[in-house]
Amino acid sequence: LCANDAWVARKDKDYEAEREAKPWTFTYQSLHYIVFAKR
């Protein structure tokens, strides 16, 4: 997804980062990106 040249990918939610920040919390998990058309 991040390697595609047709868009710019911005990470919107990272469950692994959230897990590291709050290791005691178990909640909704999903990796979210927003991709914007470059042209």
PDB file of all heavy atoms in Angstrom:
ATOM      1  N   LEU A   1       0.827  -1.199   0.000  1.00  0.00           N
ATOM      2  CA  LEU A   1       0.000   0.000   0.000  1.00  0.00           C
ATOM      3  C   LEU A   1       0.867   1.257   0.000  1.00  0.00           C
ATOM      4  O   LEU A   1       0.630   2.193  -0.778  1.00  0.00           O
ATOM      5  CB  LEU A   1      -0.925  -0.003   1.223  1.00  0.00           C
ATOM      6  CG  LEU A   1      -1.865   1.203   1.354  1.00  0.00           C
ATOM      7  CD1 LEU A   1      -3.012   1.081   0.358  1.00  0.00           C
ATOM      8  CD2 LEU A   1      -2.412   1.310   2.775  1.00  0.00           C
ATOM      9  N   CYS A   2       1.875   1.267   0.854  1.00  0.00           N
ATOM     10  CA  CYS A   2       2.723   2.457   0.993  1.00  0.00           C
ATOM     11  C   CYS A   2       3.685   2.621  -0.184  1.00  0.00           C
ATOM     12  O   CYS A   2       4.210   3.720  -0.396  1.00  0.00           O
ATOM     13  CB  CYS A   2       3.511   2.375   2.304  1.00  0.00           C
ATOM     14  SG  CYS A   2       2.486   2.504   3.789  1.00  0.00           S
ATOM     15  N   ALA A   3       3.910   1.552  -0.937  1.00  0.00           N
ATOM     16  CA  ALA A   3       4.872   1.618  -2.045  1.00  0.00           C
ATOM     17  C   ALA A   3       4.242   2.105  -3.342  1.00  0.00           C
ATOM     18  O   ALA A   3       4.968   2.395  -4.300  1.00  0.00           O
ATOM     19  CB  ALA A   3       5.495   0.236  -2.268  1.00  0.00           C
ATOM     20  N   ASN A   4       2.921   2.215  -3.392  1.00  0.00           N
ATOM     21  CA  ASN A   4       2.256   2.575  -4.644  1.00  0.00           C
ATOM     22  C   ASN A   4       2.440   4.058  -4.944  1.00  0.00           C
ATOM     23  O   ASN A   4       2.216   4.912  -4.079  1.00  0.00           O
ATOM     24  CB  ASN A   4       0.771   2.226  -4.577  1.00  0.00           C
ATOM     25  CG  ASN A   4       0.128   2.211  -5.947  1.00  0.00           C
ATOM     26  OD1 ASN A   4      -0.013   3.240  -6.603  1.00  0.00           O
ATOM     27  ND2 ASN A   4      -0.265   1.029  -6.384  1.00  0.00           N
ATOM     28  N   ASP A   5       2.818   4.362  -6.188  1.00  0.00           N
ATOM     29  CA  ASP A   5       3.121   5.743  -6.574  1.00  0.00           C
ATOM     30  C   ASP A   5       1.882   6.536  -6.978  1.00  0.00           C
ATOM     31  O   ASP A   5       1.970   7.723  -7.256  1.00  0.00           O
ATOM     32  CB  ASP A   5       4.121   5.733  -7.743  1.00  0.00           C
ATOM     33  CG  ASP A   5       4.662   7.109  -8.056  1.00  0.00           C
ATOM     34  OD1 ASP A   5       5.143   7.784  -7.129  1.00  0.00           O
ATOM     35  OD2 ASP A   5       4.561   7.538  -9.237  1.00  0.00           O
ATOM     36  N   ALA A   6       0.710   5.900  -6.990  1.00  0.00           N
ATOM     37  CA  ALA A   6      -0.502   6.602  -7.427  1.00  0.00           C
ATOM     38  C   ALA A   6      -1.107   7.447  -6.318  1.00  0.00           C
ATOM     39  O   ALA A   6      -1.989   8.267  -6.572  1.00  0.00           O
ATOM     40  CB  ALA A   6      -1.535   5.605  -7.939  1.00  0.00           C
ATOM     41  N   TRP A   7      -0.644   7.225  -5.083  1.00  0.00           N
ATOM     42  CA  TRP A   7      -1.230   7.962  -3.967  1.00  0.00           C
ATOM     43  C   TRP A   7      -0.200   8.235  -2.881  1.00  0.00           C
ATOM     44  O   TRP A   7       0.897   7.665  -2.851  1.00  0.00           O
ATOM     45  CB  TRP A   7      -2.400   7.184  -3.377  1.00  0.00           C
ATOM     46  CG  TRP A   7      -2.081   5.762  -2.970  1.00  0.00           C
ATOM     47  CD1 TRP A   7      -1.259   5.333  -1.964  1.00  0.00           C
ATOM     48  CD2 TRP A   7      -2.598   4.573  -3.596  1.00  0.00           C
ATOM     49  NE1 TRP A   7      -1.237   3.964  -1.902  1.00  0.00           N
ATOM     50  CE2 TRP A   7      -2.042   3.462  -2.882  1.00  0.00           C
ATOM     51  CE3 TRP A   7      -3.468   4.324  -4.648  1.00  0.00           C
ATOM     52  CZ2 TRP A   7      -2.340   2.140  -3.227  1.00  0.00           C
ATOM     53  CZ3 TRP A   7      -3.761   3.013  -4.985  1.00  0.00           C
ATOM     54  CH2 TRP A   7      -3.200   1.939  -4.279  1.00  0.00           C
ATOM     55  N   VAL A   8      -0.594   9.110  -1.979  1.00  0.00           N
ATOM     56  CA  VAL A   8       0.172   9.378  -0.758  1.00  0.00           C
ATOM     57  C   VAL A   8      -0.570   8.696   0.379  1.00  0.00           C
ATOM     58  O   VAL A   8      -1.775   8.913   0.567  1.00  0.00           O
ATOM     59  CB  VAL A   8       0.288  10.885  -0.486  1.00  0.00           C
ATOM     60  CG1 VAL A   8       0.971  11.126   0.856  1.00  0.00           C
ATOM     61  CG2 VAL A   8       1.055  11.577  -1.599  1.00  0.00           C
ATOM     62  N   ALA A   9       0.114   7.843   1.130  1.00  0.00           N
ATOM     63  CA  ALA A   9      -0.513   7.083   2.208  1.00  0.00           C
ATOM     64  C   ALA A   9      -0.176   7.713   3.562  1.00  0.00           C
ATOM     65  O   ALA A   9       1.003   7.944   3.869  1.00  0.00           O
ATOM     66  CB  ALA A   9      -0.047   5.629   2.179  1.00  0.00           C
ATOM     67  N   ARG A  10      -1.216   7.994   4.337  1.00  0.00           N
ATOM     68  CA  ARG A  10      -1.035   8.568   5.674  1.00  0.00           C
ATOM     69  C   ARG A  10      -1.630   7.617   6.693  1.00  0.00           C
ATOM     70  O   ARG A  10      -2.808   7.251   6.612  1.00  0.00           O
ATOM     71  CB  ARG A  10      -1.746   9.914   5.752  1.00  0.00           C
ATOM     72  CG  ARG A  10      -1.499  10.669   7.070  1.00  0.00           C
ATOM     73  CD  ARG A  10      -2.431  11.866   7.154  1.00  0.00           C
ATOM     74  NE  ARG A  10      -3.795  11.477   7.525  1.00  0.00           N
ATOM     75  CZ  ARG A  10      -4.862  12.270   7.389  1.00  0.00           C
ATOM     76  NH1 ARG A  10      -4.732  13.462   6.851  1.00  0.00           N
ATOM     77  NH2 ARG A  10      -6.057  11.847   7.766  1.00  0.00           N
ATOM     78  N   LYS A  11      -0.819   7.203   7.655  1.00  0.00           N
ATOM     79  CA  LYS A  11      -1.313   6.291   8.679  1.00  0.00           C
ATOM     80  C   LYS A  11      -2.277   7.026   9.599  1.00  0.00           C
ATOM     81  O   LYS A  11      -1.957   8.089  10.133  1.00  0.00           O
ATOM     82  CB  LYS A  11      -0.153   5.701   9.481  1.00  0.00           C
ATOM     83  CG  LYS A  11      -0.561   4.618  10.452  1.00  0.00           C
ATOM     84  CD  LYS A  11       0.653   3.992  11.139  1.00  0.00           C
ATOM     85  CE  LYS A  11       1.443   3.107  10.211  1.00  0.00           C
ATOM     86  NZ  LYS A  11       2.522   2.365  10.905  1.00  0.00           N
ATOM     87  N   ASP A  12      -3.461   6.428   9.770  1.00  0.00           N
ATOM     88  CA  ASP A  12      -4.506   7.067  10.560  1.00  0.00           C
ATOM     89  C   ASP A  12      -4.726   6.366  11.892  1.00  0.00           C
ATOM     90  O   ASP A  12      -5.206   6.978  12.847  1.00  0.00           O
ATOM     91  CB  ASP A  12      -5.809   7.068   9.755  1.00  0.00           C
ATOM     92  CG  ASP A  12      -6.744   8.194  10.151  1.00  0.00           C
ATOM     93  OD1 ASP A  12      -6.261   9.322  10.325  1.00  0.00           O
ATOM     94  OD2 ASP A  12      -7.955   7.938  10.280  1.00  0.00           O
ATOM     95  N   LYS A  13      -4.408   5.080  11.946  1.00  0.00           N
ATOM     96  CA  LYS A  13      -4.554   4.306  13.194  1.00  0.00           C
ATOM     97  C   LYS A  13      -3.648   3.094  13.105  1.00  0.00           C
ATOM     98  O   LYS A  13      -3.653   2.387  12.105  1.00  0.00           O
ATOM     99  CB  LYS A  13      -6.002   3.854  13.389  1.00  0.00           C
ATOM    100  CG  LYS A  13      -6.240   2.992  14.627  1.00  0.00           C
ATOM    101  CD  LYS A  13      -7.705   2.588  14.729  1.00  0.00           C
ATOM    102  CE  LYS A  13      -7.946   1.598  15.862  1.00  0.00           C
ATOM    103  NZ  LYS A  13      -7.648   2.145  17.177  1.00  0.00           N
ATOM    104  N   ASP A  14      -2.849   2.871  14.143  1.00  0.00           N
ATOM    105  CA  ASP A  14      -1.899   1.755  14.160  1.00  0.00           C
ATOM    106  C   ASP A  14      -2.087   0.985  15.469  1.00  0.00           C
ATOM    107  O   ASP A  14      -1.704   1.445  16.541  1.00  0.00           O
ATOM    108  CB  ASP A  14      -0.471   2.286  14.063  1.00  0.00           C
ATOM    109  CG  ASP A  14       0.569   1.182  13.925  1.00  0.00           C
ATOM    110  OD1 ASP A  14       0.248   0.017  14.240  1.00  0.00           O
ATOM    111  OD2 ASP A  14       1.695   1.476  13.500  1.00  0.00           O
ATOM    112  N   TYR A  15      -2.701  -0.195  15.368  1.00  0.00           N
ATOM    113  CA  TYR A  15      -3.006  -0.942  16.594  1.00  0.00           C
ATOM    114  C   TYR A  15      -1.745  -1.422  17.303  1.00  0.00           C
ATOM    115  O   TYR A  15      -1.720  -1.551  18.530  1.00  0.00           O
ATOM    116  CB  TYR A  15      -3.944  -2.110  16.305  1.00  0.00           C
ATOM    117  CG  TYR A  15      -3.385  -3.233  15.465  1.00  0.00           C
ATOM    118  CD1 TYR A  15      -2.704  -4.290  16.046  1.00  0.00           C
ATOM    119  CD2 TYR A  15      -3.564  -3.251  14.086  1.00  0.00           C
ATOM    120  CE1 TYR A  15      -2.194  -5.325  15.277  1.00  0.00           C
ATOM    121  CE2 TYR A  15      -3.059  -4.290  13.319  1.00  0.00           C
ATOM    122  CZ  TYR A  15      -2.375  -5.316  13.911  1.00  0.00           C
ATOM    123  OH  TYR A  15      -1.869  -6.341  13.153  1.00  0.00           O
ATOM    124  N   GLU A  16      -0.666  -1.695  16.538  1.00  0.00           N
ATOM    125  CA  GLU A  16       0.573  -2.131  17.192  1.00  0.00           C
ATOM    126  C   GLU A  16       1.181  -0.995  18.005  1.00  0.00           C
ATOM    127  O   GLU A  16       1.701  -1.216  19.102  1.00  0.00           O
ATOM    128  CB  GLU A  16       1.551  -2.656  16.150  1.00  0.00           C
ATOM    129  CG  GLU A  16       1.117  -3.992  15.538  1.00  0.00           C
ATOM    130  CD  GLU A  16       2.170  -4.574  14.620  1.00  0.00           C
ATOM    131  OE1 GLU A  16       2.974  -3.790  14.065  1.00  0.00           O
ATOM    132  OE2 GLU A  16       2.186  -5.806  14.457  1.00  0.00           O
ATOM    133  N   ALA A  17       1.134   0.233  17.471  1.00  0.00           N
ATOM    134  CA  ALA A  17       1.647   1.383  18.219  1.00  0.00           C
ATOM    135  C   ALA A  17       0.797   1.644  19.454  1.00  0.00           C
ATOM    136  O   ALA A  17       1.314   1.954  20.535  1.00  0.00           O
ATOM    137  CB  ALA A  17       1.665   2.616  17.316  1.00  0.00           C
ATOM    138  N   GLU A  18      -0.522   1.483  19.310  1.00  0.00           N
ATOM    139  CA  GLU A  18      -1.412   1.676  20.456  1.00  0.00           C
ATOM    140  C   GLU A  18      -1.176   0.614  21.520  1.00  0.00           C
ATOM    141  O   GLU A  18      -1.254   0.890  22.724  1.00  0.00           O
ATOM    142  CB  GLU A  18      -2.869   1.644  19.987  1.00  0.00           C
ATOM    143  CG  GLU A  18      -3.259   2.828  19.113  1.00  0.00           C
ATOM    144  CD  GLU A  18      -4.668   2.726  18.590  1.00  0.00           C
ATOM    145  OE1 GLU A  18      -5.333   1.712  18.868  1.00  0.00           O
ATOM    146  OE2 GLU A  18      -5.120   3.670  17.904  1.00  0.00           O
ATOM    147  N   ARG A  19      -0.861  -0.586  21.070  1.00  0.00           N
ATOM    148  CA  ARG A  19      -0.577  -1.671  22.012  1.00  0.00           C
ATOM    149  C   ARG A  19       0.690  -1.373  22.816  1.00  0.00           C
ATOM    150  O   ARG A  19       0.755  -1.647  24.018  1.00  0.00           O
ATOM    151  CB  ARG A  19      -0.423  -2.980  21.247  1.00  0.00           C
ATOM    152  CG  ARG A  19      -0.280  -4.206  22.118  1.00  0.00           C
ATOM    153  CD  ARG A  19       0.076  -5.426  21.285  1.00  0.00           C
ATOM    154  NE  ARG A  19      -0.922  -5.680  20.247  1.00  0.00           N
ATOM    155  CZ  ARG A  19      -0.798  -6.626  19.319  1.00  0.00           C
ATOM    156  NH1 ARG A  19       0.292  -7.376  19.281  1.00  0.00           N
ATOM    157  NH2 ARG A  19      -1.745  -6.803  18.423  1.00  0.00           N
ATOM    158  N   GLU A  20       1.684  -0.821  22.134  1.00  0.00           N
ATOM    159  CA  GLU A  20       2.934  -0.479  22.828  1.00  0.00           C
ATOM    160  C   GLU A  20       2.717   0.685  23.790  1.00  0.00           C
ATOM    161  O   GLU A  20       3.304   0.726  24.877  1.00  0.00           O
ATOM    162  CB  GLU A  20       4.013  -0.124  21.805  1.00  0.00           C
ATOM    163  CG  GLU A  20       4.507  -1.310  20.987  1.00  0.00           C
ATOM    164  CD  GLU A  20       5.595  -0.916  20.012  1.00  0.00           C
ATOM    165  OE1 GLU A  20       6.035   0.259  20.056  1.00  0.00           O
ATOM    166  OE2 GLU A  20       6.014  -1.773  19.210  1.00  0.00           O
ATOM    167  N   ALA A  21       1.880   1.654  23.393  1.00  0.00           N
ATOM    168  CA  ALA A  21       1.643   2.815  24.246  1.00  0.00           C
ATOM    169  C   ALA A  21       0.815   2.450  25.471  1.00  0.00           C
ATOM    170  O   ALA A  21       1.026   2.999  26.558  1.00  0.00           O
ATOM    171  CB  ALA A  21       0.939   3.906  23.450  1.00  0.00           C
ATOM    172  N   LYS A  22      -0.145   1.511  25.304  1.00  0.00           N
ATOM    173  CA  LYS A  22      -1.011   1.088  26.410  1.00  0.00           C
ATOM    174  C   LYS A  22      -1.068  -0.439  26.464  1.00  0.00           C
ATOM    175  O   LYS A  22      -2.058  -1.057  26.070  1.00  0.00           O
ATOM    176  CB  LYS A  22      -2.416   1.667  26.241  1.00  0.00           C
ATOM    177  CG  LYS A  22      -2.471   3.182  26.278  1.00  0.00           C
ATOM    178  CD  LYS A  22      -3.906   3.680  26.118  1.00  0.00           C
ATOM    179  CE  LYS A  22      -3.980   5.193  26.188  1.00  0.00           C
ATOM    180  NZ  LYS A  22      -5.376   5.683  26.028  1.00  0.00           N
ATOM    181  N   PRO A  23       0.003  -1.062  26.945  1.00  0.00           N
ATOM    182  CA  PRO A  23       0.060  -2.526  26.931  1.00  0.00           C
ATOM    183  C   PRO A  23      -0.969  -3.197  27.816  1.00  0.00           C
ATOM    184  O   PRO A  23      -1.210  -4.398  27.672  1.00  0.00           O
ATOM    185  CB  PRO A  23       1.490  -2.818  27.416  1.00  0.00           C
ATOM    186  CG  PRO A  23       1.895  -1.606  28.192  1.00  0.00           C
ATOM    187  CD  PRO A  23       1.227  -0.454  27.517  1.00  0.00           C
ATOM    188  N   TRP A  24      -1.586  -2.465  28.710  1.00  0.00           N
ATOM    189  CA  TRP A  24      -2.582  -3.047  29.623  1.00  0.00           C
ATOM    190  C   TRP A  24      -4.006  -2.992  29.041  1.00  0.00           C
ATOM    191  O   TRP A  24      -4.940  -3.510  29.644  1.00  0.00           O
ATOM    192  CB  TRP A  24      -2.569  -2.279  30.956  1.00  0.00           C
ATOM    193  CG  TRP A  24      -2.811  -0.809  30.763  1.00  0.00           C
ATOM    194  CD1 TRP A  24      -4.020  -0.162  30.680  1.00  0.00           C
ATOM    195  CD2 TRP A  24      -1.830   0.203  30.583  1.00  0.00           C
ATOM    196  NE1 TRP A  24      -3.853   1.166  30.462  1.00  0.00           N
ATOM    197  CE2 TRP A  24      -2.513   1.435  30.402  1.00  0.00           C
ATOM    198  CE3 TRP A  24      -0.431   0.209  30.567  1.00  0.00           C
ATOM    199  CZ2 TRP A  24      -1.843   2.641  30.205  1.00  0.00           C
ATOM    200  CZ3 TRP A  24       0.225   1.410  30.365  1.00  0.00           C
ATOM    201  CH2 TRP A  24      -0.465   2.601  30.189  1.00  0.00           C
ATOM    202  N   THR A  25      -4.159  -2.384  27.873  1.00  0.00           N
ATOM    203  CA  THR A  25      -5.482  -2.183  27.293  1.00  0.00           C
ATOM    204  C   THR A  25      -5.726  -3.142  26.133  1.00  0.00           C
ATOM    205  O   THR A  25      -4.866  -3.323  25.269  1.00  0.00           O
ATOM    206  CB  THR A  25      -5.632  -0.735  26.788  1.00  0.00           C
ATOM    207  OG1 THR A  25      -5.438   0.169  27.875  1.00  0.00           O
ATOM    208  CG2 THR A  25      -7.015  -0.511  26.187  1.00  0.00           C
ATOM    209  N   PHE A  26      -6.903  -3.751  26.111  1.00  0.00           N
ATOM    210  CA  PHE A  26      -7.303  -4.614  25.004  1.00  0.00           C
ATOM    211  C   PHE A  26      -8.576  -4.017  24.397  1.00  0.00           C
ATOM    212  O   PHE A  26      -9.645  -4.076  25.008  1.00  0.00           O
ATOM    213  CB  PHE A  26      -7.562  -6.042  25.486  1.00  0.00           C
ATOM    214  CG  PHE A  26      -6.334  -6.721  26.014  1.00  0.00           C
ATOM    215  CD1 PHE A  26      -6.008  -6.656  27.358  1.00  0.00           C
ATOM    216  CD2 PHE A  26      -5.493  -7.424  25.162  1.00  0.00           C
ATOM    217  CE1 PHE A  26      -4.876  -7.272  27.848  1.00  0.00           C
ATOM    218  CE2 PHE A  26      -4.353  -8.042  25.643  1.00  0.00           C
ATOM    219  CZ  PHE A  26      -4.037  -7.974  26.982  1.00  0.00           C
ATOM    220  N   THR A  27      -8.422  -3.439  23.204  1.00  0.00           N
ATOM    221  CA  THR A  27      -9.554  -2.761  22.586  1.00  0.00           C
ATOM    222  C   THR A  27      -9.531  -2.988  21.083  1.00  0.00           C
ATOM    223  O   THR A  27      -8.707  -3.752  20.570  1.00  0.00           O
ATOM    224  CB  THR A  27      -9.516  -1.257  22.926  1.00  0.00           C
ATOM    225  OG1 THR A  27     -10.707  -0.637  22.437  1.00  0.00           O
ATOM    226  CG2 THR A  27      -8.305  -0.576  22.319  1.00  0.00           C
ATOM    227  N   TYR A  28     -10.443  -2.329  20.384  1.00  0.00           N
ATOM    228  CA  TYR A  28     -10.589  -2.470  18.936  1.00  0.00           C
ATOM    229  C   TYR A  28      -9.241  -2.358  18.230  1.00  0.00           C
ATOM    230  O   TYR A  28      -8.492  -1.418  18.473  1.00  0.00           O
ATOM    231  CB  TYR A  28     -11.555  -1.389  18.447  1.00  0.00           C
ATOM    232  CG  TYR A  28     -11.581  -1.169  16.955  1.00  0.00           C
ATOM    233  CD1 TYR A  28     -12.202  -2.082  16.110  1.00  0.00           C
ATOM    234  CD2 TYR A  28     -10.992  -0.040  16.413  1.00  0.00           C
ATOM    235  CE1 TYR A  28     -12.233  -1.876  14.740  1.00  0.00           C
ATOM    236  CE2 TYR A  28     -11.030   0.181  15.041  1.00  0.00           C
ATOM    237  CZ  TYR A  28     -11.644  -0.736  14.215  1.00  0.00           C
ATOM    238  OH  TYR A  28     -11.677  -0.529  12.864  1.00  0.00           O
ATOM    239  N   GLN A  29      -8.958  -3.298  17.349  1.00  0.00           N
ATOM    240  CA  GLN A  29      -7.689  -3.315  16.646  1.00  0.00           C
ATOM    241  C   GLN A  29      -7.908  -3.337  15.131  1.00  0.00           C
ATOM    242  O   GLN A  29      -8.659  -4.164  14.611  1.00  0.00           O
ATOM    243  CB  GLN A  29      -6.858  -4.533  17.040  1.00  0.00           C
ATOM    244  CG  GLN A  29      -6.387  -4.500  18.482  1.00  0.00           C
ATOM    245  CD  GLN A  29      -5.382  -5.603  18.782  1.00  0.00           C
ATOM    246  OE1 GLN A  29      -5.131  -6.473  17.967  1.00  0.00           O
ATOM    247  NE2 GLN A  29      -4.797  -5.559  19.958  1.00  0.00           N
ATOM    248  N   SER A  30      -7.241  -2.426  14.442  1.00  0.00           N
ATOM    249  CA  SER A  30      -7.247  -2.401  12.989  1.00  0.00           C
ATOM    250  C   SER A  30      -6.199  -1.387  12.565  1.00  0.00           C
ATOM    251  O   SER A  30      -5.987  -0.376  13.249  1.00  0.00           O
ATOM    252  CB  SER A  30      -8.626  -2.003  12.455  1.00  0.00           C
ATOM    253  OG  SER A  30      -8.684  -2.143  11.056  1.00  0.00           O
ATOM    254  N   LEU A  31      -5.531  -1.657  11.469  1.00  0.00           N
ATOM    255  CA  LEU A  31      -4.555  -0.724  10.911  1.00  0.00           C
ATOM    256  C   LEU A  31      -5.284   0.121   9.869  1.00  0.00           C
ATOM    257  O   LEU A  31      -5.846  -0.416   8.911  1.00  0.00           O
ATOM    258  CB  LEU A  31      -3.395  -1.493  10.277  1.00  0.00           C
ATOM    259  CG  LEU A  31      -2.255  -0.668   9.676  1.00  0.00           C
ATOM    260  CD1 LEU A  31      -1.578   0.182  10.740  1.00  0.00           C
ATOM    261  CD2 LEU A  31      -1.240  -1.587   9.011  1.00  0.00           C
ATOM    262  N   HIS A  32      -5.286   1.439  10.067  1.00  0.00           N
ATOM    263  CA  HIS A  32      -6.007   2.339   9.174  1.00  0.00           C
ATOM    264  C   HIS A  32      -5.020   3.260   8.449  1.00  0.00           C
ATOM    265  O   HIS A  32      -4.115   3.820   9.064  1.00  0.00           O
ATOM    266  CB  HIS A  32      -6.988   3.225   9.951  1.00  0.00           C
ATOM    267  CG  HIS A  32      -8.166   2.504  10.491  1.00  0.00           C
ATOM    268  ND1 HIS A  32      -9.332   3.135  10.869  1.00  0.00           N
ATOM    269  CD2 HIS A  32      -8.395   1.183  10.706  1.00  0.00           C
ATOM    270  CE1 HIS A  32     -10.210   2.252  11.308  1.00  0.00           C
ATOM    271  NE2 HIS A  32      -9.651   1.059  11.239  1.00  0.00           N
ATOM    272  N   TYR A  33      -5.243   3.429   7.152  1.00  0.00           N
ATOM    273  CA  TYR A  33      -4.528   4.420   6.351  1.00  0.00           C
ATOM    274  C   TYR A  33      -5.550   5.256   5.593  1.00  0.00           C
ATOM    275  O   TYR A  33      -6.646   4.787   5.272  1.00  0.00           O
ATOM    276  CB  TYR A  33      -3.597   3.751   5.340  1.00  0.00           C
ATOM    277  CG  TYR A  33      -2.216   3.426   5.851  1.00  0.00           C
ATOM    278  CD1 TYR A  33      -1.975   2.226   6.526  1.00  0.00           C
ATOM    279  CD2 TYR A  33      -1.153   4.309   5.679  1.00  0.00           C
ATOM    280  CE1 TYR A  33      -0.708   1.919   6.994  1.00  0.00           C
ATOM    281  CE2 TYR A  33       0.116   4.004   6.147  1.00  0.00           C
ATOM    282  CZ  TYR A  33       0.337   2.817   6.795  1.00  0.00           C
ATOM    283  OH  TYR A  33       1.600   2.518   7.263  1.00  0.00           O
ATOM    284  N   ILE A  34      -5.172   6.474   5.286  1.00  0.00           N
ATOM    285  CA  ILE A  34      -5.894   7.285   4.318  1.00  0.00           C
ATOM    286  C   ILE A  34      -4.957   7.477   3.130  1.00  0.00           C
ATOM    287  O   ILE A  34      -3.806   7.907   3.311  1.00  0.00           O
ATOM    288  CB  ILE A  34      -6.307   8.663   4.874  1.00  0.00           C
ATOM    289  CG1 ILE A  34      -7.061   8.510   6.194  1.00  0.00           C
ATOM    290  CG2 ILE A  34      -7.144   9.425   3.847  1.00  0.00           C
ATOM    291  CD1 ILE A  34      -8.379   7.784   6.073  1.00  0.00           C
ATOM    292  N   VAL A  35      -5.429   7.123   1.933  1.00  0.00           N
ATOM    293  CA  VAL A  35      -4.599   7.313   0.747  1.00  0.00           C
ATOM    294  C   VAL A  35      -5.225   8.421  -0.100  1.00  0.00           C
ATOM    295  O   VAL A  35      -6.425   8.407  -0.380  1.00  0.00           O
ATOM    296  CB  VAL A  35      -4.428   6.012  -0.063  1.00  0.00           C
ATOM    297  CG1 VAL A  35      -3.699   4.967   0.775  1.00  0.00           C
ATOM    298  CG2 VAL A  35      -5.749   5.446  -0.543  1.00  0.00           C
ATOM    299  N   PHE A  36      -4.392   9.401  -0.485  1.00  0.00           N
ATOM    300  CA  PHE A  36      -4.830  10.542  -1.267  1.00  0.00           C
ATOM    301  C   PHE A  36      -4.239  10.447  -2.668  1.00  0.00           C
ATOM    302  O   PHE A  36      -3.021  10.249  -2.822  1.00  0.00           O
ATOM    303  CB  PHE A  36      -4.360  11.852  -0.618  1.00  0.00           C
ATOM    304  CG  PHE A  36      -4.885  12.079   0.777  1.00  0.00           C
ATOM    305  CD1 PHE A  36      -4.207  11.563   1.873  1.00  0.00           C
ATOM    306  CD2 PHE A  36      -6.042  12.798   0.995  1.00  0.00           C
ATOM    307  CE1 PHE A  36      -4.675  11.774   3.165  1.00  0.00           C
ATOM    308  CE2 PHE A  36      -6.522  13.010   2.287  1.00  0.00           C
ATOM    309  CZ  PHE A  36      -5.847  12.503   3.372  1.00  0.00           C
ATOM    310  N   ALA A  37      -5.079  10.594  -3.686  1.00  0.00           N
ATOM    311  CA  ALA A  37      -4.599  10.523  -5.069  1.00  0.00           C
ATOM    312  C   ALA A  37      -3.537  11.589  -5.304  1.00  0.00           C
ATOM    313  O   ALA A  37      -3.740  12.765  -4.995  1.00  0.00           O
ATOM    314  CB  ALA A  37      -5.766  10.716  -6.031  1.00  0.00           C
ATOM    315  N   LYS A  38      -2.380  11.174  -5.851  1.00  0.00           N
ATOM    316  CA  LYS A  38      -1.311  12.122  -6.120  1.00  0.00           C
ATOM    317  C   LYS A  38      -1.656  13.066  -7.272  1.00  0.00           C
ATOM    318  O   LYS A  38      -1.223  14.210  -7.314  1.00  0.00           O
ATOM    319  CB  LYS A  38      -0.016  11.370  -6.470  1.00  0.00           C
ATOM    320  CG  LYS A  38       0.830  10.976  -5.294  1.00  0.00           C
ATOM    321  CD  LYS A  38       2.169  10.444  -5.789  1.00  0.00           C
ATOM    322  CE  LYS A  38       3.065  10.082  -4.620  1.00  0.00           C
ATOM    323  NZ  LYS A  38       4.379   9.572  -5.087  1.00  0.00           N
ATOM    324  N   ARG A  39      -2.392  12.525  -8.211  1.00  0.00           N
ATOM    325  CA  ARG A  39      -2.738  13.259  -9.424  1.00  0.00           C
ATOM    326  C   ARG A  39      -4.112  12.783  -9.896  1.00  0.00           C
ATOM    327  O   ARG A  39      -4.644  11.820  -9.354  1.00  0.00           O
ATOM    328  CB  ARG A  39      -1.683  13.005 -10.511  1.00  0.00           C
ATOM    329  CG  ARG A  39      -1.553  11.535 -10.865  1.00  0.00           C
ATOM    330  CD  ARG A  39      -0.343  11.265 -11.746  1.00  0.00           C
ATOM    331  NE  ARG A  39       0.884  11.316 -10.959  1.00  0.00           N
ATOM    332  CZ  ARG A  39       1.371  10.264 -10.268  1.00  0.00           C
ATOM    333  NH1 ARG A  39       0.720   9.108 -10.260  1.00  0.00           N
ATOM    334  NH2 ARG A  39       2.486  10.386  -9.591  1.00  0.00           N
TER     335      ARG A  39
END
